[in-house]
Amino acid sequence: MGRLTSEQLAAELGERATLVQFSSAFCQPCRATRRILAEVAGMVPGVAHVEIDAEARLDLVRALNILRTPTVLVLDGSGRVVRRASGQPRKADVIGALGLAVGD
């Protein structure tokens, strides 16, 4: 699965890029990851942050081979996965991955 649609995510994709976060209820690093991604999405016009409850979306978790939370996917404007990472990301790494997605 190289591309994701707004229908699959049940959320609107960002015009330029989308940060997709897979989380679970008792995941401590998920909270910090949520803050980092929301902050970065707020800094860059046309970027959306979508958080998905992994336990509620096992179909998507299996299709994308998500093995742990948090897992972050960086999608370009067309929904193509350009980067993925597991664990709590560093803000600088998220910004760098976004640069690839938006082509800056």
Protein backbone atom coordinates (compact mmCIF):
# COMPACT_ATOMS: atom_id res chain seq x y z
CA MET A 1 0.00 0.00 0.00
CA GLY A 2 1.96 2.97 -1.30
CA ARG A 3 -0.86 5.55 -1.24
CA LEU A 4 -3.51 6.35 1.32
CA THR A 5 -6.76 8.15 0.67
CA SER A 6 -8.87 10.35 2.93
CA GLU A 7 -11.49 7.56 2.85
CA GLN A 8 -9.01 5.00 4.21
CA LEU A 9 -7.86 7.38 6.95
CA ALA A 10 -11.38 8.70 7.67
CA ALA A 11 -9.84 12.19 7.69
CA GLU A 12 -8.91 14.87 5.20
CA LEU A 13 -5.42 14.79 3.75
CA GLY A 14 -3.30 17.91 3.93
CA GLU A 15 -2.98 19.90 0.73
CA ARG A 16 0.84 19.59 0.77
CA ALA A 17 1.47 16.71 3.19
CA THR A 18 -0.09 14.65 5.97
CA LEU A 19 1.46 13.35 9.18
CA VAL A 20 -0.34 10.11 10.10
CA GLN A 21 0.18 8.87 13.64
CA PHE A 22 -0.86 5.41 14.81
CA SER A 23 -1.43 5.44 18.58
CA SER A 24 -2.84 3.26 21.32
CA ALA A 25 -4.58 4.15 24.55
CA PHE A 26 -1.81 3.36 27.04
CA CYS A 27 1.14 4.49 24.92
CA GLN A 28 3.13 7.19 26.77
CA PRO A 29 5.33 8.19 23.79
CA CYS A 30 2.14 8.67 21.73
CA ARG A 31 1.21 11.74 23.77
CA ALA A 32 4.56 13.44 23.17
CA THR A 33 4.43 12.42 19.50
CA ARG A 34 0.95 13.97 19.20
CA ARG A 35 2.30 17.28 20.55
CA ILE A 36 5.32 17.27 18.22
CA LEU A 37 3.30 16.44 15.10
CA ALA A 38 0.56 18.96 15.91
CA GLU A 39 3.18 21.65 16.46
CA VAL A 40 4.98 20.91 13.18
CA ALA A 41 1.69 20.70 11.25
CA GLY A 42 0.76 24.09 12.70
CA MET A 43 4.05 25.60 11.51
CA VAL A 44 3.82 24.46 7.89
CA PRO A 45 0.88 25.62 5.73
CA GLY A 46 -1.04 22.84 3.97
CA VAL A 47 0.10 20.09 6.36
CA ALA A 48 -2.43 18.00 8.31
CA HIS A 49 -1.92 15.80 11.37
CA VAL A 50 -4.14 12.72 11.57
CA GLU A 51 -4.09 10.44 14.61
CA ILE A 52 -5.45 6.91 14.24
CA ASP A 53 -6.34 4.59 17.11
CA ALA A 54 -4.47 1.42 16.15
CA GLU A 55 -6.81 -0.83 18.14
CA ALA A 56 -9.88 0.57 16.39
CA ARG A 57 -8.34 0.29 12.90
CA LEU A 58 -6.78 -3.17 12.83
CA ASP A 59 -7.55 -3.43 9.10
CA LEU A 60 -5.28 -0.47 8.35
CA VAL A 61 -2.66 -1.58 10.91
CA ARG A 62 -2.39 -4.95 9.17
CA ALA A 63 -2.42 -3.49 5.66
CA LEU A 64 0.40 -1.08 6.55
CA ASN A 65 2.32 -3.58 8.73
CA ILE A 66 2.26 -1.29 11.79
CA LEU A 67 4.09 -3.24 14.51
CA ARG A 68 4.18 -0.73 17.39
CA THR A 69 2.87 2.62 18.54
CA PRO A 70 3.60 5.32 17.91
CA THR A 71 4.29 4.79 14.22
CA VAL A 72 4.32 7.88 12.03
CA LEU A 73 3.80 7.95 8.28
CA VAL A 74 4.63 11.05 6.26
CA LEU A 75 2.45 11.35 3.16
CA ASP A 76 2.98 13.72 0.28
CA GLY A 77 0.12 15.77 -1.17
CA SER A 78 -1.16 12.81 -3.20
CA GLY A 79 -1.20 10.45 -0.19
CA ARG A 80 1.99 8.58 -1.11
CA VAL A 81 4.00 7.33 1.88
CA VAL A 82 7.41 9.02 1.65
CA ARG A 83 8.71 8.20 5.15
CA ARG A 84 7.76 6.03 8.10
CA ALA A 85 9.21 5.72 11.58
CA SER A 86 8.41 3.89 14.80
CA GLY A 87 8.83 5.36 18.24
CA GLN A 88 8.75 8.97 19.36
CA PRO A 89 10.27 11.15 16.65
CA ARG A 90 12.48 14.16 17.14
CA LYS A 91 10.96 17.42 15.93
CA ALA A 92 13.94 18.04 13.60
CA ASP A 93 13.44 14.63 11.97
CA VAL A 94 9.74 15.33 11.37
CA ILE A 95 10.60 18.68 9.78
CA GLY A 96 13.22 16.99 7.58
CA ALA A 97 10.81 14.28 6.45
CA LEU A 98 8.20 16.93 5.69
CA GLY A 99 10.71 18.68 3.47
CA LEU A 100 10.87 15.52 1.35
CA ALA A 101 7.08 15.27 1.21
CA VAL A 102 6.44 18.85 0.14
CA GLY A 103 9.46 19.09 -2.11
CA ASP A 104 11.05 22.12 -0.43
